[in-house]
Amino acid sequence: MSNYKNIPEISLVEKQISSKKFLPIYFLAGEDSFAINRTAEKIKEAVLPFIGSEFDVESYSMDKNEEIAPVLD
């Protein structure tokens, strides 16, 4: 279960993408890097048919010591 009440568990994200209910952005965080990487790949595979160009996709990986503000700017 997530420590933050407004952040869904990664399993919910996997259910959403398997039912073709996509969000415009995904923020995957946590200590289980295997689950995060697996889910990121599932998202990419699921949305590829809807992407016009590889230039329309952005993906970032960060360590927990990095600040997110520069990525959001």
C-alpha atoms as a PDB file:
ATOM      1  CA  MET A   1       0.000   0.000   0.000  1.00  0.00           C
ATOM      2  CA  SER A   2       1.204   3.481  -0.820  1.00  0.00           C
ATOM      3  CA  ASN A   3       2.445   5.744   1.986  1.00  0.00           C
ATOM      4  CA  TYR A   4       0.763   8.693   0.301  1.00  0.00           C
ATOM      5  CA  LYS A   5      -3.025   8.702   0.155  1.00  0.00           C
ATOM      6  CA  ASN A   6      -3.272  10.455  -3.230  1.00  0.00           C
ATOM      7  CA  ILE A   7      -0.761   8.270  -5.074  1.00  0.00           C
ATOM      8  CA  PRO A   8      -2.224   5.072  -6.538  1.00  0.00           C
ATOM      9  CA  GLU A   9      -0.318   1.843  -6.273  1.00  0.00           C
ATOM     10  CA  ILE A  10       1.562   0.709  -9.354  1.00  0.00           C
ATOM     11  CA  SER A  11      -0.826  -2.237  -9.793  1.00  0.00           C
ATOM     12  CA  LEU A  12      -3.656   0.258 -10.434  1.00  0.00           C
ATOM     13  CA  VAL A  13      -1.602   1.877 -13.199  1.00  0.00           C
ATOM     14  CA  GLU A  14      -1.127  -1.544 -14.805  1.00  0.00           C
ATOM     15  CA  LYS A  15      -4.900  -2.174 -14.655  1.00  0.00           C
ATOM     16  CA  GLN A  16      -5.599   1.202 -16.265  1.00  0.00           C
ATOM     17  CA  ILE A  17      -3.250   0.628 -19.183  1.00  0.00           C
ATOM     18  CA  SER A  18      -4.504  -2.902 -19.746  1.00  0.00           C
ATOM     19  CA  SER A  19      -8.030  -1.468 -20.078  1.00  0.00           C
ATOM     20  CA  LYS A  20      -6.722   1.269 -22.460  1.00  0.00           C
ATOM     21  CA  LYS A  21      -7.458   4.085 -19.974  1.00  0.00           C
ATOM     22  CA  PHE A  22      -4.399   6.273 -20.422  1.00  0.00           C
ATOM     23  CA  LEU A  23      -3.397   9.384 -18.518  1.00  0.00           C
ATOM     24  CA  PRO A  24      -1.469  12.225 -20.152  1.00  0.00           C
ATOM     25  CA  ILE A  25       1.426  11.778 -17.708  1.00  0.00           C
ATOM     26  CA  TYR A  26       2.662   9.080 -15.332  1.00  0.00           C
ATOM     27  CA  PHE A  27       4.923   9.601 -12.338  1.00  0.00           C
ATOM     28  CA  LEU A  28       6.227   6.258 -11.107  1.00  0.00           C
ATOM     29  CA  ALA A  29       8.081   6.361  -7.807  1.00  0.00           C
ATOM     30  CA  GLY A  30       9.149   3.954  -5.120  1.00  0.00           C
ATOM     31  CA  GLU A  31      11.817   1.534  -4.073  1.00  0.00           C
ATOM     32  CA  ASP A  32      10.777  -1.389  -6.305  1.00  0.00           C
ATOM     33  CA  SER A  33      12.767  -0.486  -9.412  1.00  0.00           C
ATOM     34  CA  PHE A  34      11.828  -3.754 -11.128  1.00  0.00           C
ATOM     35  CA  ALA A  35       8.087  -2.973 -10.889  1.00  0.00           C
ATOM     36  CA  ILE A  36       8.653   0.638 -11.938  1.00  0.00           C
ATOM     37  CA  ASN A  37      10.703  -0.341 -15.005  1.00  0.00           C
ATOM     38  CA  ARG A  38       8.231  -3.091 -15.961  1.00  0.00           C
ATOM     39  CA  THR A  39       5.293  -0.697 -15.692  1.00  0.00           C
ATOM     40  CA  ALA A  40       7.110   2.011 -17.679  1.00  0.00           C
ATOM     41  CA  GLU A  41       7.728  -0.490 -20.470  1.00  0.00           C
ATOM     42  CA  LYS A  42       4.071  -1.578 -20.407  1.00  0.00           C
ATOM     43  CA  ILE A  43       2.971   2.044 -20.706  1.00  0.00           C
ATOM     44  CA  LYS A  44       5.313   2.622 -23.663  1.00  0.00           C
ATOM     45  CA  GLU A  45       4.127  -0.531 -25.446  1.00  0.00           C
ATOM     46  CA  ALA A  46       0.460   0.319 -24.865  1.00  0.00           C
ATOM     47  CA  VAL A  47       0.651   3.887 -26.182  1.00  0.00           C
ATOM     48  CA  LEU A  48       2.984   3.297 -29.142  1.00  0.00           C
ATOM     49  CA  PRO A  49       0.091   2.735 -31.596  1.00  0.00           C
ATOM     50  CA  PHE A  50      -1.239   6.202 -30.701  1.00  0.00           C
ATOM     51  CA  ILE A  51       2.076   8.057 -31.001  1.00  0.00           C
ATOM     52  CA  GLY A  52       2.775   9.877 -34.244  1.00  0.00           C
ATOM     53  CA  SER A  53       6.524  10.088 -33.719  1.00  0.00           C
ATOM     54  CA  GLU A  54       9.160   9.019 -31.219  1.00  0.00           C
ATOM     55  CA  PHE A  55       9.696  12.747 -30.666  1.00  0.00           C
ATOM     56  CA  ASP A  56       6.269  12.835 -28.962  1.00  0.00           C
ATOM     57  CA  VAL A  57       7.519  10.670 -26.071  1.00  0.00           C
ATOM     58  CA  GLU A  58       9.596  11.801 -23.114  1.00  0.00           C
ATOM     59  CA  SER A  59      10.892   9.591 -20.348  1.00  0.00           C
ATOM     60  CA  TYR A  60      13.044  10.535 -17.368  1.00  0.00           C
ATOM     61  CA  SER A  61      14.774   8.429 -14.745  1.00  0.00           C
ATOM     62  CA  MET A  62      15.959  10.023 -11.543  1.00  0.00           C
ATOM     63  CA  ASP A  63      17.694   9.011  -8.358  1.00  0.00           C
ATOM     64  CA  LYS A  64      15.915   9.807  -5.107  1.00  0.00           C
ATOM     65  CA  ASN A  65      18.501  12.505  -4.313  1.00  0.00           C
ATOM     66  CA  GLU A  66      17.716  14.481  -7.462  1.00  0.00           C
ATOM     67  CA  GLU A  67      15.317  17.419  -7.555  1.00  0.00           C
ATOM     68  CA  ILE A  68      12.239  17.132  -9.761  1.00  0.00           C
ATOM     69  CA  ALA A  69      11.846  20.899 -10.346  1.00  0.00           C
ATOM     70  CA  PRO A  70      14.330  21.057 -13.274  1.00  0.00           C
ATOM     71  CA  VAL A  71      12.479  18.239 -15.044  1.00  0.00           C
ATOM     72  CA  LEU A  72       9.131  19.989 -14.651  1.00  0.00           C
ATOM     73  CA  ASP A  73      10.412  23.309 -16.036  1.00  0.00           C
END
